[in-house]
Amino acid sequence: MSIPVPLDELEAQLEAYPWGYLITVSDTQRAHSLAVPTKFVDGVLIADAGRATRSFAEARPNVTMAFPSPTPGEYSLIVDGDASIDGDTVHVRPTSAVLHRPALPN
């Protein structure tokens, strides 16, 4: 079950998620995940990242950030965005966001 999150409401939604995963794609086309604290500044998610993560994001800037629910059974937040590199950080400008949880069994 997914609920779209308007981008102008994303900052408020992020307050419930203290950390998440920055997901990039490696040179071998495998998913690469990095746990990062939530940092949202002027409409951009910012993550300190190592050389490999920065390289992957620069080569393939369509990235995802996944913020797991802090409470089991509640919604996780998934944000797609366009990455750019600034020094040792990856900046992700969100393009879409959804709250998501598995459908409840009937």
N, C-alpha and C. Protein backbone atom coordinates (compact mmCIF):
# COMPACT_ATOMS: atom_id res chain seq x y z
N MET A 1 0.85 -1.16 0.00
CA MET A 1 0.00 0.00 0.00
C MET A 1 0.91 1.23 0.00
N SER A 2 0.67 2.13 -0.93
CA SER A 2 1.48 3.33 -1.05
C SER A 2 0.60 4.58 -1.02
N ILE A 3 1.13 5.62 -0.39
CA ILE A 3 0.47 6.91 -0.33
C ILE A 3 1.46 7.95 -0.87
N PRO A 4 1.14 8.60 -1.98
CA PRO A 4 2.04 9.63 -2.51
C PRO A 4 2.24 10.76 -1.48
N VAL A 5 3.44 11.28 -1.44
CA VAL A 5 3.77 12.40 -0.57
C VAL A 5 4.10 13.60 -1.47
N PRO A 6 3.31 14.66 -1.42
CA PRO A 6 3.66 15.86 -2.19
C PRO A 6 5.03 16.38 -1.72
N LEU A 7 5.84 16.79 -2.68
CA LEU A 7 7.20 17.22 -2.32
C LEU A 7 7.21 18.40 -1.37
N ASP A 8 6.18 19.25 -1.42
CA ASP A 8 6.15 20.38 -0.49
C ASP A 8 5.82 19.94 0.94
N GLU A 9 5.45 18.67 1.13
CA GLU A 9 5.20 18.13 2.47
C GLU A 9 6.30 17.18 2.94
N LEU A 10 7.32 16.99 2.10
CA LEU A 10 8.36 16.01 2.41
C LEU A 10 9.14 16.36 3.68
N GLU A 11 9.49 17.60 3.85
CA GLU A 11 10.27 17.98 5.04
C GLU A 11 9.52 17.61 6.33
N ALA A 12 8.24 17.86 6.38
CA ALA A 12 7.44 17.51 7.56
C ALA A 12 7.40 16.00 7.75
N GLN A 13 7.26 15.24 6.67
CA GLN A 13 7.24 13.78 6.77
C GLN A 13 8.57 13.24 7.28
N LEU A 14 9.68 13.84 6.86
CA LEU A 14 11.02 13.36 7.25
C LEU A 14 11.29 13.50 8.74
N GLU A 15 10.57 14.36 9.43
CA GLU A 15 10.80 14.55 10.86
C GLU A 15 10.61 13.26 11.65
N ALA A 16 9.82 12.33 11.15
CA ALA A 16 9.57 11.06 11.84
C ALA A 16 10.64 10.01 11.56
N TYR A 17 11.59 10.31 10.69
CA TYR A 17 12.59 9.32 10.26
C TYR A 17 14.00 9.85 10.56
N PRO A 18 14.63 9.38 11.63
CA PRO A 18 15.95 9.91 12.01
C PRO A 18 17.09 9.46 11.10
N TRP A 19 16.89 8.41 10.34
CA TRP A 19 17.95 7.93 9.44
C TRP A 19 17.32 7.14 8.30
N GLY A 20 18.13 6.91 7.27
CA GLY A 20 17.66 6.14 6.12
C GLY A 20 18.83 5.55 5.36
N TYR A 21 18.52 5.01 4.20
CA TYR A 21 19.54 4.42 3.33
C TYR A 21 19.58 5.20 2.02
N LEU A 22 20.79 5.55 1.59
CA LEU A 22 21.00 6.09 0.26
C LEU A 22 21.33 4.90 -0.62
N ILE A 23 20.54 4.68 -1.66
CA ILE A 23 20.72 3.52 -2.53
C ILE A 23 21.17 4.00 -3.90
N THR A 24 22.36 3.54 -4.27
CA THR A 24 22.94 3.87 -5.57
C THR A 24 23.14 2.55 -6.32
N VAL A 25 23.62 2.64 -7.55
CA VAL A 25 23.91 1.45 -8.35
C VAL A 25 25.40 1.45 -8.67
N SER A 26 26.07 0.33 -8.36
CA SER A 26 27.52 0.22 -8.55
C SER A 26 27.87 0.04 -10.03
N ASP A 27 29.17 0.04 -10.29
CA ASP A 27 29.66 -0.16 -11.65
C ASP A 27 29.28 -1.53 -12.21
N THR A 28 29.04 -2.50 -11.33
CA THR A 28 28.64 -3.84 -11.78
C THR A 28 27.12 -4.00 -11.79
N GLN A 29 26.41 -2.86 -11.70
CA GLN A 29 24.94 -2.82 -11.74
C GLN A 29 24.28 -3.48 -10.54
N ARG A 30 24.96 -3.51 -9.41
CA ARG A 30 24.38 -4.03 -8.16
C ARG A 30 23.99 -2.85 -7.28
N ALA A 31 22.94 -3.05 -6.50
CA ALA A 31 22.52 -2.01 -5.56
C ALA A 31 23.58 -1.85 -4.48
N HIS A 32 23.82 -0.61 -4.10
CA HIS A 32 24.78 -0.26 -3.06
C HIS A 32 24.05 0.63 -2.06
N SER A 33 24.01 0.21 -0.80
CA SER A 33 23.27 0.96 0.23
C SER A 33 24.22 1.55 1.26
N LEU A 34 23.90 2.74 1.70
CA LEU A 34 24.69 3.42 2.73
C LEU A 34 23.72 4.00 3.75
N ALA A 35 23.86 3.60 5.02
CA ALA A 35 23.02 4.16 6.08
C ALA A 35 23.49 5.58 6.38
N VAL A 36 22.54 6.51 6.42
CA VAL A 36 22.87 7.93 6.65
C VAL A 36 21.82 8.56 7.55
N PRO A 37 22.23 9.53 8.38
CA PRO A 37 21.23 10.28 9.14
C PRO A 37 20.42 11.17 8.20
N THR A 38 19.20 11.47 8.59
CA THR A 38 18.34 12.32 7.78
C THR A 38 18.80 13.77 7.91
N LYS A 39 19.09 14.38 6.78
CA LYS A 39 19.51 15.78 6.75
C LYS A 39 18.84 16.41 5.53
N PHE A 40 17.92 17.34 5.76
CA PHE A 40 17.15 17.96 4.69
C PHE A 40 17.34 19.47 4.79
N VAL A 41 17.98 20.05 3.78
CA VAL A 41 18.30 21.47 3.80
C VAL A 41 17.85 22.10 2.48
N ASP A 42 17.00 23.11 2.57
CA ASP A 42 16.55 23.84 1.39
C ASP A 42 16.04 22.92 0.29
N GLY A 43 15.25 21.91 0.65
CA GLY A 43 14.64 21.03 -0.32
C GLY A 43 15.54 19.94 -0.86
N VAL A 44 16.71 19.75 -0.24
CA VAL A 44 17.66 18.74 -0.71
C VAL A 44 18.06 17.83 0.44
N LEU A 45 18.06 16.52 0.19
CA LEU A 45 18.59 15.56 1.16
C LEU A 45 20.10 15.52 1.00
N ILE A 46 20.82 15.55 2.11
CA ILE A 46 22.28 15.61 2.07
C ILE A 46 22.83 14.44 2.86
N ALA A 47 23.78 13.71 2.25
CA ALA A 47 24.39 12.55 2.91
C ALA A 47 25.90 12.60 2.75
N ASP A 48 26.62 12.50 3.88
CA ASP A 48 28.06 12.32 3.82
C ASP A 48 28.29 10.93 3.24
N ALA A 49 29.22 10.82 2.30
CA ALA A 49 29.42 9.53 1.63
C ALA A 49 30.88 9.33 1.27
N GLY A 50 31.27 8.07 1.22
CA GLY A 50 32.62 7.71 0.83
C GLY A 50 32.82 7.80 -0.68
N ARG A 51 34.04 7.55 -1.08
CA ARG A 51 34.43 7.68 -2.48
C ARG A 51 33.57 6.81 -3.40
N ALA A 52 33.34 5.54 -3.03
CA ALA A 52 32.58 4.63 -3.90
C ALA A 52 31.15 5.13 -4.09
N THR A 53 30.47 5.47 -3.00
CA THR A 53 29.09 5.95 -3.11
C THR A 53 29.02 7.21 -3.95
N ARG A 54 29.94 8.13 -3.73
CA ARG A 54 29.94 9.36 -4.53
C ARG A 54 30.16 9.05 -6.01
N SER A 55 31.06 8.12 -6.30
CA SER A 55 31.35 7.73 -7.68
C SER A 55 30.12 7.11 -8.34
N PHE A 56 29.44 6.22 -7.62
CA PHE A 56 28.24 5.58 -8.17
C PHE A 56 27.15 6.62 -8.44
N ALA A 57 26.94 7.53 -7.50
CA ALA A 57 25.91 8.55 -7.65
C ALA A 57 26.22 9.51 -8.80
N GLU A 58 27.49 9.79 -8.98
CA GLU A 58 27.88 10.68 -10.07
C GLU A 58 27.66 10.00 -11.43
N ALA A 59 27.99 8.71 -11.51
CA ALA A 59 27.84 7.98 -12.77
C ALA A 59 26.38 7.68 -13.09
N ARG A 60 25.57 7.42 -12.06
CA ARG A 60 24.16 7.09 -12.23
C ARG A 60 23.37 7.90 -11.21
N PRO A 61 23.02 9.14 -11.56
CA PRO A 61 22.45 10.08 -10.58
C PRO A 61 21.00 9.81 -10.17
N ASN A 62 20.32 8.87 -10.81
CA ASN A 62 18.97 8.52 -10.36
C ASN A 62 19.11 7.60 -9.16
N VAL A 63 18.83 8.13 -7.96
CA VAL A 63 19.04 7.37 -6.73
C VAL A 63 17.73 7.29 -5.95
N THR A 64 17.75 6.44 -4.93
CA THR A 64 16.62 6.29 -4.03
C THR A 64 17.11 6.41 -2.61
N MET A 65 16.29 7.02 -1.77
CA MET A 65 16.55 7.01 -0.34
C MET A 65 15.36 6.34 0.32
N ALA A 66 15.65 5.37 1.17
CA ALA A 66 14.61 4.61 1.87
C ALA A 66 14.75 4.85 3.36
N PHE A 67 13.68 5.28 3.99
CA PHE A 67 13.65 5.58 5.42
C PHE A 67 12.72 4.57 6.08
N PRO A 68 13.29 3.55 6.75
CA PRO A 68 12.45 2.53 7.36
C PRO A 68 11.59 3.09 8.48
N SER A 69 10.46 2.46 8.65
CA SER A 69 9.57 2.86 9.73
C SER A 69 10.25 2.65 11.07
N PRO A 70 10.21 3.66 11.95
CA PRO A 70 10.78 3.48 13.28
C PRO A 70 9.93 2.55 14.15
N THR A 71 8.69 2.29 13.71
CA THR A 71 7.77 1.43 14.45
C THR A 71 7.31 0.30 13.53
N PRO A 72 7.47 -0.97 13.94
CA PRO A 72 7.02 -2.07 13.08
C PRO A 72 5.55 -1.92 12.69
N GLY A 73 5.28 -2.22 11.42
CA GLY A 73 3.91 -2.15 10.93
C GLY A 73 3.48 -0.80 10.41
N GLU A 74 4.29 0.22 10.64
CA GLU A 74 3.97 1.56 10.16
C GLU A 74 4.60 1.79 8.78
N TYR A 75 4.33 2.93 8.21
CA TYR A 75 4.82 3.25 6.88
C TYR A 75 6.31 3.59 6.87
N SER A 76 7.00 3.10 5.84
CA SER A 76 8.34 3.55 5.52
C SER A 76 8.20 4.65 4.47
N LEU A 77 9.22 5.48 4.35
CA LEU A 77 9.21 6.58 3.38
C LEU A 77 10.25 6.27 2.32
N ILE A 78 9.85 6.33 1.06
CA ILE A 78 10.75 6.07 -0.05
C ILE A 78 10.78 7.32 -0.92
N VAL A 79 12.00 7.81 -1.18
CA VAL A 79 12.18 9.05 -1.94
C VAL A 79 13.09 8.77 -3.13
N ASP A 80 12.63 9.06 -4.33
CA ASP A 80 13.47 9.00 -5.53
C ASP A 80 13.97 10.40 -5.79
N GLY A 81 15.17 10.49 -6.37
CA GLY A 81 15.70 11.81 -6.65
C GLY A 81 16.89 11.80 -7.57
N ASP A 82 17.35 13.00 -7.88
CA ASP A 82 18.50 13.22 -8.73
C ASP A 82 19.68 13.65 -7.87
N ALA A 83 20.77 12.90 -7.97
CA ALA A 83 21.94 13.14 -7.12
C ALA A 83 22.95 14.05 -7.81
N SER A 84 23.64 14.81 -6.99
CA SER A 84 24.81 15.57 -7.43
C SER A 84 25.83 15.48 -6.29
N ILE A 85 27.07 15.71 -6.62
CA ILE A 85 28.15 15.59 -5.65
C ILE A 85 28.66 16.97 -5.29
N ASP A 86 28.90 17.18 -4.00
CA ASP A 86 29.48 18.43 -3.51
C ASP A 86 30.52 18.04 -2.45
N GLY A 87 31.78 18.00 -2.84
CA GLY A 87 32.83 17.59 -1.90
C GLY A 87 32.63 16.14 -1.47
N ASP A 88 32.50 15.93 -0.17
CA ASP A 88 32.31 14.59 0.38
C ASP A 88 30.84 14.24 0.61
N THR A 89 29.95 15.00 0.00
CA THR A 89 28.52 14.75 0.22
C THR A 89 27.80 14.47 -1.09
N VAL A 90 26.72 13.71 -0.95
CA VAL A 90 25.80 13.50 -2.06
C VAL A 90 24.56 14.32 -1.75
N HIS A 91 24.15 15.14 -2.69
CA HIS A 91 22.93 15.94 -2.56
C HIS A 91 21.87 15.29 -3.43
N VAL A 92 20.70 15.03 -2.85
CA VAL A 92 19.62 14.39 -3.58
C VAL A 92 18.43 15.35 -3.63
N ARG A 93 18.12 15.78 -4.84
CA ARG A 93 16.94 16.63 -5.05
C ARG A 93 15.76 15.69 -5.34
N PRO A 94 14.79 15.62 -4.41
CA PRO A 94 13.68 14.68 -4.58
C PRO A 94 12.86 14.96 -5.83
N THR A 95 12.45 13.87 -6.49
CA THR A 95 11.57 13.96 -7.65
C THR A 95 10.21 13.32 -7.35
N SER A 96 10.17 12.39 -6.40
CA SER A 96 8.91 11.79 -5.97
C SER A 96 9.13 11.13 -4.61
N ALA A 97 8.02 10.94 -3.89
CA ALA A 97 8.11 10.32 -2.57
C ALA A 97 6.79 9.60 -2.27
N VAL A 98 6.90 8.47 -1.58
CA VAL A 98 5.71 7.73 -1.16
C VAL A 98 5.93 7.18 0.25
N LEU A 99 4.84 7.10 0.98
CA LEU A 99 4.82 6.32 2.21
C LEU A 99 4.37 4.93 1.80
N HIS A 100 5.06 3.90 2.28
CA HIS A 100 4.77 2.55 1.82
C HIS A 100 4.80 1.56 2.98
N ARG A 101 3.88 0.63 2.94
CA ARG A 101 3.90 -0.50 3.86
C ARG A 101 3.25 -1.67 3.14
N PRO A 102 3.58 -2.89 3.57
CA PRO A 102 2.93 -4.05 2.96
C PRO A 102 1.43 -3.99 3.20
N ALA A 103 0.68 -4.50 2.26
CA ALA A 103 -0.78 -4.57 2.42
C ALA A 103 -1.09 -5.49 3.60
N LEU A 104 -2.10 -5.14 4.34
CA LEU A 104 -2.52 -5.98 5.47
C LEU A 104 -3.21 -7.23 4.93
N PRO A 105 -2.97 -8.39 5.56
CA PRO A 105 -3.65 -9.60 5.08
C PRO A 105 -5.16 -9.51 5.27
N ASN A 106 -5.88 -10.14 4.38
CA ASN A 106 -7.37 -10.12 4.45
C ASN A 106 -7.86 -11.02 5.55
